[in-house]
Amino acid sequence: MSCDDDDVDCGEVLDKVYAFLDRELDEDRTLTYAEIEAHLHDCGGCLSKYDLERAVRAVLARSCACEHAPEELRMKVLARIREVRVQVTDHL
């Protein structure tokens, strides 16, 4: 996907959309929150995908609001996600 934003690549934005939604962008990030927000403002395709992810999360949050995962489980899941991201990146 591409748009008229020459400064930011749509693929980069969409790769970071989950971290952006969670306000968990890496400190050594290539894109800042402001850059992603500006891109979403200018790119209808990325904004549409972002809005879909945000809506799904809102529904899940309402459905699971009274149940919280133990912190240990949360940390294990986050660690596994990072492992998978590294594996996927290494294979590209």
PDB file of N, CA and C in Angstrom:
ATOM      1  N   MET A   1       0.852  -1.164   0.000  1.00  0.00           N
ATOM      2  CA  MET A   1       0.000   0.000   0.000  1.00  0.00           C
ATOM      3  C   MET A   1       0.898   1.226   0.000  1.00  0.00           C
ATOM      4  N   SER A   2       0.468   2.223  -0.669  1.00  0.00           N
ATOM      5  CA  SER A   2       1.218   3.465  -0.659  1.00  0.00           C
ATOM      6  C   SER A   2       0.245   4.626  -0.745  1.00  0.00           C
ATOM      7  N   CYS A   3       0.775   5.799  -0.453  1.00  0.00           N
ATOM      8  CA  CYS A   3      -0.039   7.005  -0.510  1.00  0.00           C
ATOM      9  C   CYS A   3       0.858   8.150  -0.937  1.00  0.00           C
ATOM     10  N   ASP A   4       0.388   9.350  -0.771  1.00  0.00           N
ATOM     11  CA  ASP A   4       1.156  10.518  -1.192  1.00  0.00           C
ATOM     12  C   ASP A   4       2.190  10.962  -0.164  1.00  0.00           C
ATOM     13  N   ASP A   5       2.298  10.274   0.953  1.00  0.00           N
ATOM     14  CA  ASP A   5       3.245  10.641   2.000  1.00  0.00           C
ATOM     15  C   ASP A   5       4.616  10.067   1.646  1.00  0.00           C
ATOM     16  N   ASP A   6       5.485  10.912   1.148  1.00  0.00           N
ATOM     17  CA  ASP A   6       6.817  10.463   0.744  1.00  0.00           C
ATOM     18  C   ASP A   6       7.747  10.266   1.942  1.00  0.00           C
ATOM     19  N   ASP A   7       7.397  10.855   3.088  1.00  0.00           N
ATOM     20  CA  ASP A   7       8.266  10.781   4.257  1.00  0.00           C
ATOM     21  C   ASP A   7       8.127   9.472   5.037  1.00  0.00           C
ATOM     22  N   VAL A   8       6.936   8.872   4.998  1.00  0.00           N
ATOM     23  CA  VAL A   8       6.666   7.685   5.803  1.00  0.00           C
ATOM     24  C   VAL A   8       6.049   6.606   4.922  1.00  0.00           C
ATOM     25  N   ASP A   9       6.568   5.392   5.036  1.00  0.00           N
ATOM     26  CA  ASP A   9       6.085   4.249   4.261  1.00  0.00           C
ATOM     27  C   ASP A   9       4.887   3.616   4.962  1.00  0.00           C
ATOM     28  N   CYS A  10       3.843   3.322   4.196  1.00  0.00           N
ATOM     29  CA  CYS A  10       2.633   2.698   4.748  1.00  0.00           C
ATOM     30  C   CYS A  10       2.966   1.385   5.456  1.00  0.00           C
ATOM     31  N   GLY A  11       3.837   0.588   4.865  1.00  0.00           N
ATOM     32  CA  GLY A  11       4.200  -0.690   5.478  1.00  0.00           C
ATOM     33  C   GLY A  11       4.812  -0.513   6.854  1.00  0.00           C
ATOM     34  N   GLU A  12       5.645   0.501   7.008  1.00  0.00           N
ATOM     35  CA  GLU A  12       6.241   0.774   8.318  1.00  0.00           C
ATOM     36  C   GLU A  12       5.174   1.153   9.332  1.00  0.00           C
ATOM     37  N   VAL A  13       4.249   1.989   8.918  1.00  0.00           N
ATOM     38  CA  VAL A  13       3.174   2.417   9.818  1.00  0.00           C
ATOM     39  C   VAL A  13       2.343   1.207  10.240  1.00  0.00           C
ATOM     40  N   LEU A  14       1.943   0.389   9.283  1.00  0.00           N
ATOM     41  CA  LEU A  14       1.092  -0.755   9.605  1.00  0.00           C
ATOM     42  C   LEU A  14       1.839  -1.795  10.436  1.00  0.00           C
ATOM     43  N   ASP A  15       3.147  -1.911  10.254  1.00  0.00           N
ATOM     44  CA  ASP A  15       3.943  -2.817  11.088  1.00  0.00           C
ATOM     45  C   ASP A  15       3.951  -2.365  12.544  1.00  0.00           C
ATOM     46  N   LYS A  16       3.795  -1.085  12.770  1.00  0.00           N
ATOM     47  CA  LYS A  16       3.893  -0.518  14.109  1.00  0.00           C
ATOM     48  C   LYS A  16       2.523  -0.182  14.712  1.00  0.00           C
ATOM     49  N   VAL A  17       1.441  -0.507  14.020  1.00  0.00           N
ATOM     50  CA  VAL A  17       0.122  -0.071  14.472  1.00  0.00           C
ATOM     51  C   VAL A  17      -0.246  -0.646  15.845  1.00  0.00           C
ATOM     52  N   TYR A  18       0.127  -1.899  16.133  1.00  0.00           N
ATOM     53  CA  TYR A  18      -0.205  -2.476  17.440  1.00  0.00           C
ATOM     54  C   TYR A  18       0.559  -1.777  18.555  1.00  0.00           C
ATOM     55  N   ALA A  19       1.840  -1.563  18.349  1.00  0.00           N
ATOM     56  CA  ALA A  19       2.635  -0.851  19.350  1.00  0.00           C
ATOM     57  C   ALA A  19       2.145   0.584  19.509  1.00  0.00           C
ATOM     58  N   PHE A  20       1.745   1.194  18.411  1.00  0.00           N
ATOM     59  CA  PHE A  20       1.216   2.552  18.451  1.00  0.00           C
ATOM     60  C   PHE A  20      -0.076   2.593  19.271  1.00  0.00           C
ATOM     61  N   LEU A  21      -0.975   1.654  19.012  1.00  0.00           N
ATOM     62  CA  LEU A  21      -2.236   1.596  19.762  1.00  0.00           C
ATOM     63  C   LEU A  21      -1.997   1.396  21.251  1.00  0.00           C
ATOM     64  N   ASP A  22      -1.004   0.604  21.590  1.00  0.00           N
ATOM     65  CA  ASP A  22      -0.700   0.309  22.991  1.00  0.00           C
ATOM     66  C   ASP A  22       0.209   1.358  23.627  1.00  0.00           C
ATOM     67  N   ARG A  23       0.622   2.340  22.819  1.00  0.00           N
ATOM     68  CA  ARG A  23       1.583   3.355  23.276  1.00  0.00           C
ATOM     69  C   ARG A  23       2.856   2.676  23.779  1.00  0.00           C
ATOM     70  N   GLU A  24       3.327   1.688  22.989  1.00  0.00           N
ATOM     71  CA  GLU A  24       4.510   0.912  23.348  1.00  0.00           C
ATOM     72  C   GLU A  24       5.533   0.879  22.222  1.00  0.00           C
ATOM     73  N   LEU A  25       5.665   1.970  21.501  1.00  0.00           N
ATOM     74  CA  LEU A  25       6.701   2.009  20.472  1.00  0.00           C
ATOM     75  C   LEU A  25       8.067   1.862  21.124  1.00  0.00           C
ATOM     76  N   ASP A  26       8.960   1.137  20.478  1.00  0.00           N
ATOM     77  CA  ASP A  26      10.307   0.946  21.001  1.00  0.00           C
ATOM     78  C   ASP A  26      11.020   2.284  21.117  1.00  0.00           C
ATOM     79  N   GLU A  27      11.914   2.370  22.099  1.00  0.00           N
ATOM     80  CA  GLU A  27      12.682   3.598  22.271  1.00  0.00           C
ATOM     81  C   GLU A  27      13.577   3.869  21.070  1.00  0.00           C
ATOM     82  N   ASP A  28      14.053   2.807  20.435  1.00  0.00           N
ATOM     83  CA  ASP A  28      14.924   2.969  19.268  1.00  0.00           C
ATOM     84  C   ASP A  28      14.098   2.952  17.978  1.00  0.00           C
ATOM     85  N   ARG A  29      12.875   3.404  18.084  1.00  0.00           N
ATOM     86  CA  ARG A  29      11.930   3.381  16.968  1.00  0.00           C
ATOM     87  C   ARG A  29      12.417   4.209  15.793  1.00  0.00           C
ATOM     88  N   THR A  30      12.000   3.794  14.636  1.00  0.00           N
ATOM     89  CA  THR A  30      12.311   4.550  13.432  1.00  0.00           C
ATOM     90  C   THR A  30      11.242   5.594  13.162  1.00  0.00           C
ATOM     91  N   LEU A  31      10.057   5.377  13.709  1.00  0.00           N
ATOM     92  CA  LEU A  31       8.955   6.328  13.548  1.00  0.00           C
ATOM     93  C   LEU A  31       8.511   6.826  14.919  1.00  0.00           C
ATOM     94  N   THR A  32       8.228   8.105  15.004  1.00  0.00           N
ATOM     95  CA  THR A  32       7.729   8.665  16.254  1.00  0.00           C
ATOM     96  C   THR A  32       6.207   8.605  16.265  1.00  0.00           C
ATOM     97  N   TYR A  33       5.641   8.812  17.435  1.00  0.00           N
ATOM     98  CA  TYR A  33       4.186   8.865  17.541  1.00  0.00           C
ATOM     99  C   TYR A  33       3.632   9.963  16.645  1.00  0.00           C
ATOM    100  N   ALA A  34       4.283  11.113  16.644  1.00  0.00           N
ATOM    101  CA  ALA A  34       3.814  12.247  15.835  1.00  0.00           C
ATOM    102  C   ALA A  34       3.850  11.920  14.350  1.00  0.00           C
ATOM    103  N   GLU A  35       4.898  11.226  13.899  1.00  0.00           N
ATOM    104  CA  GLU A  35       4.993  10.859  12.482  1.00  0.00           C
ATOM    105  C   GLU A  35       3.885   9.887  12.089  1.00  0.00           C
ATOM    106  N   ILE A  36       3.613   8.936  12.965  1.00  0.00           N
ATOM    107  CA  ILE A  36       2.554   7.969  12.675  1.00  0.00           C
ATOM    108  C   ILE A  36       1.202   8.672  12.675  1.00  0.00           C
ATOM    109  N   GLU A  37       0.956   9.520  13.655  1.00  0.00           N
ATOM    110  CA  GLU A  37      -0.309  10.259  13.695  1.00  0.00           C
ATOM    111  C   GLU A  37      -0.497  11.101  12.441  1.00  0.00           C
ATOM    112  N   ALA A  38       0.563  11.783  12.012  1.00  0.00           N
ATOM    113  CA  ALA A  38       0.480  12.617  10.808  1.00  0.00           C
ATOM    114  C   ALA A  38       0.194  11.750   9.587  1.00  0.00           C
ATOM    115  N   HIS A  39       0.848  10.587   9.508  1.00  0.00           N
ATOM    116  CA  HIS A  39       0.634   9.691   8.371  1.00  0.00           C
ATOM    117  C   HIS A  39      -0.820   9.205   8.350  1.00  0.00           C
ATOM    118  N   LEU A  40      -1.337   8.813   9.512  1.00  0.00           N
ATOM    119  CA  LEU A  40      -2.723   8.345   9.584  1.00  0.00           C
ATOM    120  C   LEU A  40      -3.688   9.457   9.177  1.00  0.00           C
ATOM    121  N   HIS A  41      -3.361  10.666   9.515  1.00  0.00           N
ATOM    122  CA  HIS A  41      -4.194  11.815   9.141  1.00  0.00           C
ATOM    123  C   HIS A  41      -4.230  11.989   7.621  1.00  0.00           C
ATOM    124  N   ASP A  42      -3.099  11.699   6.964  1.00  0.00           N
ATOM    125  CA  ASP A  42      -2.966  11.935   5.521  1.00  0.00           C
ATOM    126  C   ASP A  42      -3.262  10.725   4.648  1.00  0.00           C
ATOM    127  N   CYS A  43      -3.272   9.527   5.221  1.00  0.00           N
ATOM    128  CA  CYS A  43      -3.391   8.303   4.412  1.00  0.00           C
ATOM    129  C   CYS A  43      -4.669   7.547   4.778  1.00  0.00           C
ATOM    130  N   GLY A  44      -5.644   7.610   3.909  1.00  0.00           N
ATOM    131  CA  GLY A  44      -6.932   6.961   4.155  1.00  0.00           C
ATOM    132  C   GLY A  44      -6.835   5.457   4.317  1.00  0.00           C
ATOM    133  N   GLY A  45      -5.957   4.807   3.542  1.00  0.00           N
ATOM    134  CA  GLY A  45      -5.812   3.354   3.629  1.00  0.00           C
ATOM    135  C   GLY A  45      -5.294   2.906   4.979  1.00  0.00           C
ATOM    136  N   CYS A  46      -4.256   3.573   5.448  1.00  0.00           N
ATOM    137  CA  CYS A  46      -3.695   3.229   6.753  1.00  0.00           C
ATOM    138  C   CYS A  46      -4.667   3.587   7.873  1.00  0.00           C
ATOM    139  N   LEU A  47      -5.341   4.727   7.733  1.00  0.00           N
ATOM    140  CA  LEU A  47      -6.309   5.137   8.747  1.00  0.00           C
ATOM    141  C   LEU A  47      -7.429   4.113   8.850  1.00  0.00           C
ATOM    142  N   SER A  48      -7.874   3.578   7.725  1.00  0.00           N
ATOM    143  CA  SER A  48      -8.931   2.576   7.725  1.00  0.00           C
ATOM    144  C   SER A  48      -8.496   1.331   8.490  1.00  0.00           C
ATOM    145  N   LYS A  49      -7.284   0.854   8.241  1.00  0.00           N
ATOM    146  CA  LYS A  49      -6.779  -0.337   8.940  1.00  0.00           C
ATOM    147  C   LYS A  49      -6.593  -0.045  10.427  1.00  0.00           C
ATOM    148  N   TYR A  50      -6.077   1.138  10.739  1.00  0.00           N
ATOM    149  CA  TYR A  50      -5.906   1.556  12.125  1.00  0.00           C
ATOM    150  C   TYR A  50      -7.256   1.592  12.839  1.00  0.00           C
ATOM    151  N   ASP A  51      -8.254   2.196  12.205  1.00  0.00           N
ATOM    152  CA  ASP A  51      -9.586   2.287  12.808  1.00  0.00           C
ATOM    153  C   ASP A  51     -10.181   0.906  13.054  1.00  0.00           C
ATOM    154  N   LEU A  52      -9.969  -0.019  12.125  1.00  0.00           N
ATOM    155  CA  LEU A  52     -10.462  -1.382  12.306  1.00  0.00           C
ATOM    156  C   LEU A  52      -9.816  -2.025  13.530  1.00  0.00           C
ATOM    157  N   GLU A  53      -8.504  -1.925  13.639  1.00  0.00           N
ATOM    158  CA  GLU A  53      -7.801  -2.501  14.792  1.00  0.00           C
ATOM    159  C   GLU A  53      -8.268  -1.860  16.094  1.00  0.00           C
ATOM    160  N   ARG A  54      -8.457  -0.558  16.067  1.00  0.00           N
ATOM    161  CA  ARG A  54      -8.912   0.165  17.259  1.00  0.00           C
ATOM    162  C   ARG A  54     -10.324  -0.294  17.644  1.00  0.00           C
ATOM    163  N   ALA A  55     -11.195  -0.506  16.666  1.00  0.00           N
ATOM    164  CA  ALA A  55     -12.561  -0.962  16.940  1.00  0.00           C
ATOM    165  C   ALA A  55     -12.560  -2.379  17.512  1.00  0.00           C
ATOM    166  N   VAL A  56     -11.748  -3.258  16.949  1.00  0.00           N
ATOM    167  CA  VAL A  56     -11.658  -4.632  17.457  1.00  0.00           C
ATOM    168  C   VAL A  56     -11.176  -4.623  18.904  1.00  0.00           C
ATOM    169  N   ARG A  57     -10.185  -3.816  19.184  1.00  0.00           N
ATOM    170  CA  ARG A  57      -9.675  -3.733  20.557  1.00  0.00           C
ATOM    171  C   ARG A  57     -10.734  -3.196  21.513  1.00  0.00           C
ATOM    172  N   ALA A  58     -11.518  -2.234  21.059  1.00  0.00           N
ATOM    173  CA  ALA A  58     -12.560  -1.675  21.913  1.00  0.00           C
ATOM    174  C   ALA A  58     -13.609  -2.736  22.247  1.00  0.00           C
ATOM    175  N   VAL A  59     -13.997  -3.532  21.253  1.00  0.00           N
ATOM    176  CA  VAL A  59     -14.965  -4.610  21.493  1.00  0.00           C
ATOM    177  C   VAL A  59     -14.386  -5.633  22.455  1.00  0.00           C
ATOM    178  N   LEU A  60     -13.148  -6.004  22.249  1.00  0.00           N
ATOM    179  CA  LEU A  60     -12.502  -6.971  23.152  1.00  0.00           C
ATOM    180  C   LEU A  60     -12.398  -6.413  24.564  1.00  0.00           C
ATOM    181  N   ALA A  61     -12.057  -5.150  24.669  1.00  0.00           N
ATOM    182  CA  ALA A  61     -11.934  -4.533  25.992  1.00  0.00           C
ATOM    183  C   ALA A  61     -13.271  -4.554  26.726  1.00  0.00           C
ATOM    184  N   ARG A  62     -14.347  -4.265  26.011  1.00  0.00           N
ATOM    185  CA  ARG A  62     -15.673  -4.300  26.641  1.00  0.00           C
ATOM    186  C   ARG A  62     -16.056  -5.723  27.036  1.00  0.00           C
ATOM    187  N   SER A  63     -15.702  -6.684  26.199  1.00  0.00           N
ATOM    188  CA  SER A  63     -16.073  -8.077  26.455  1.00  0.00           C
ATOM    189  C   SER A  63     -15.271  -8.688  27.596  1.00  0.00           C
ATOM    190  N   CYS A  64     -14.044  -8.247  27.748  1.00  0.00           N
ATOM    191  CA  CYS A  64     -13.147  -8.861  28.726  1.00  0.00           C
ATOM    192  C   CYS A  64     -12.768  -7.898  29.859  1.00  0.00           C
ATOM    193  N   ALA A  65     -13.546  -6.849  30.036  1.00  0.00           N
ATOM    194  CA  ALA A  65     -13.178  -5.792  30.977  1.00  0.00           C
ATOM    195  C   ALA A  65     -13.038  -6.286  32.414  1.00  0.00           C
ATOM    196  N   CYS A  66     -13.781  -7.292  32.794  1.00  0.00           N
ATOM    197  CA  CYS A  66     -13.730  -7.709  34.194  1.00  0.00           C
ATOM    198  C   CYS A  66     -12.673  -8.785  34.450  1.00  0.00           C
ATOM    199  N   GLU A  67     -12.045  -9.285  33.417  1.00  0.00           N
ATOM    200  CA  GLU A  67     -11.032 -10.321  33.579  1.00  0.00           C
ATOM    201  C   GLU A  67      -9.667  -9.767  33.192  1.00  0.00           C
ATOM    202  N   HIS A  68      -8.717  -9.888  34.100  1.00  0.00           N
ATOM    203  CA  HIS A  68      -7.367  -9.406  33.833  1.00  0.00           C
ATOM    204  C   HIS A  68      -6.398 -10.587  33.887  1.00  0.00           C
ATOM    205  N   ALA A  69      -5.523 -10.627  32.919  1.00  0.00           N
ATOM    206  CA  ALA A  69      -4.504 -11.676  32.905  1.00  0.00           C
ATOM    207  C   ALA A  69      -3.483 -11.392  34.005  1.00  0.00           C
ATOM    208  N   PRO A  70      -2.967 -12.440  34.627  1.00  0.00           N
ATOM    209  CA  PRO A  70      -1.904 -12.236  35.616  1.00  0.00           C
ATOM    210  C   PRO A  70      -0.689 -11.573  34.947  1.00  0.00           C
ATOM    211  N   GLU A  71       0.027 -10.771  35.704  1.00  0.00           N
ATOM    212  CA  GLU A  71       1.181 -10.045  35.168  1.00  0.00           C
ATOM    213  C   GLU A  71       2.222 -11.001  34.575  1.00  0.00           C
ATOM    214  N   GLU A  72       2.428 -12.143  35.201  1.00  0.00           N
ATOM    215  CA  GLU A  72       3.401 -13.114  34.691  1.00  0.00           C
ATOM    216  C   GLU A  72       3.001 -13.603  33.296  1.00  0.00           C
ATOM    217  N   LEU A  73       1.733 -13.884  33.097  1.00  0.00           N
ATOM    218  CA  LEU A  73       1.246 -14.309  31.786  1.00  0.00           C
ATOM    219  C   LEU A  73       1.419 -13.192  30.767  1.00  0.00           C
ATOM    220  N   ARG A  74       1.081 -11.982  31.151  1.00  0.00           N
ATOM    221  CA  ARG A  74       1.237 -10.826  30.255  1.00  0.00           C
ATOM    222  C   ARG A  74       2.684 -10.698  29.788  1.00  0.00           C
ATOM    223  N   MET A  75       3.621 -10.828  30.708  1.00  0.00           N
ATOM    224  CA  MET A  75       5.037 -10.699  30.358  1.00  0.00           C
ATOM    225  C   MET A  75       5.487 -11.833  29.430  1.00  0.00           C
ATOM    226  N   LYS A  76       4.989 -13.046  29.653  1.00  0.00           N
ATOM    227  CA  LYS A  76       5.329 -14.174  28.780  1.00  0.00           C
ATOM    228  C   LYS A  76       4.793 -13.946  27.368  1.00  0.00           C
ATOM    229  N   VAL A  77       3.571 -13.453  27.272  1.00  0.00           N
ATOM    230  CA  VAL A  77       2.975 -13.192  25.957  1.00  0.00           C
ATOM    231  C   VAL A  77       3.757 -12.103  25.227  1.00  0.00           C
ATOM    232  N   LEU A  78       4.085 -11.032  25.910  1.00  0.00           N
ATOM    233  CA  LEU A  78       4.864  -9.952  25.288  1.00  0.00           C
ATOM    234  C   LEU A  78       6.240 -10.439  24.837  1.00  0.00           C
ATOM    235  N   ALA A  79       6.874 -11.276  25.647  1.00  0.00           N
ATOM    236  CA  ALA A  79       8.185 -11.817  25.271  1.00  0.00           C
ATOM    237  C   ALA A  79       8.064 -12.687  24.018  1.00  0.00           C
ATOM    238  N   ARG A  80       7.021 -13.479  23.949  1.00  0.00           N
ATOM    239  CA  ARG A  80       6.824 -14.344  22.773  1.00  0.00           C
ATOM    240  C   ARG A  80       6.544 -13.517  21.525  1.00  0.00           C
ATOM    241  N   ILE A  81       5.774 -12.465  21.667  1.00  0.00           N
ATOM    242  CA  ILE A  81       5.508 -11.584  20.529  1.00  0.00           C
ATOM    243  C   ILE A  81       6.811 -10.986  20.018  1.00  0.00           C
ATOM    244  N   ARG A  82       7.657 -10.556  20.920  1.00  0.00           N
ATOM    245  CA  ARG A  82       8.953  -9.992  20.505  1.00  0.00           C
ATOM    246  C   ARG A  82       9.803 -11.044  19.784  1.00  0.00           C
ATOM    247  N   GLU A  83       9.782 -12.285  20.289  1.00  0.00           N
ATOM    248  CA  GLU A  83      10.533 -13.365  19.644  1.00  0.00           C
ATOM    249  C   GLU A  83      10.047 -13.584  18.212  1.00  0.00           C
ATOM    250  N   VAL A  84       8.749 -13.633  18.038  1.00  0.00           N
ATOM    251  CA  VAL A  84       8.175 -13.864  16.716  1.00  0.00           C
ATOM    252  C   VAL A  84       8.516 -12.708  15.785  1.00  0.00           C
ATOM    253  N   ARG A  85       8.462 -11.482  16.288  1.00  0.00           N
ATOM    254  CA  ARG A  85       8.824 -10.325  15.468  1.00  0.00           C
ATOM    255  C   ARG A  85      10.264 -10.435  14.987  1.00  0.00           C
ATOM    256  N   VAL A  86      11.160 -10.846  15.866  1.00  0.00           N
ATOM    257  CA  VAL A  86      12.573 -10.999  15.501  1.00  0.00           C
ATOM    258  C   VAL A  86      12.724 -12.093  14.456  1.00  0.00           C
ATOM    259  N   GLN A  87      12.034 -13.212  14.654  1.00  0.00           N
ATOM    260  CA  GLN A  87      12.121 -14.312  13.705  1.00  0.00           C
ATOM    261  C   GLN A  87      11.600 -13.894  12.340  1.00  0.00           C
ATOM    262  N   VAL A  88      10.498 -13.198  12.303  1.00  0.00           N
ATOM    263  CA  VAL A  88       9.925 -12.741  11.037  1.00  0.00           C
ATOM    264  C   VAL A  88      10.865 -11.756  10.369  1.00  0.00           C
ATOM    265  N   THR A  89      11.406 -10.831  11.132  1.00  0.00           N
ATOM    266  CA  THR A  89      12.333  -9.830  10.592  1.00  0.00           C
ATOM    267  C   THR A  89      13.581 -10.501  10.042  1.00  0.00           C
ATOM    268  N   ASP A  90      14.093 -11.506  10.748  1.00  0.00           N
ATOM    269  CA  ASP A  90      15.307 -12.204  10.299  1.00  0.00           C
ATOM    270  C   ASP A  90      15.080 -12.963   9.005  1.00  0.00           C
ATOM    271  N   HIS A  91      13.844 -13.378   8.741  1.00  0.00           N
ATOM    272  CA  HIS A  91      13.550 -14.157   7.539  1.00  0.00           C
ATOM    273  C   HIS A  91      13.215 -13.274   6.337  1.00  0.00           C
ATOM    274  N   LEU A  92      13.071 -11.988   6.553  1.00  0.00           N
ATOM    275  CA  LEU A  92      12.733 -11.086   5.448  1.00  0.00           C
ATOM    276  C   LEU A  92      13.950 -10.717   4.721  1.00  0.00           C
TER     277      LEU A  92
END
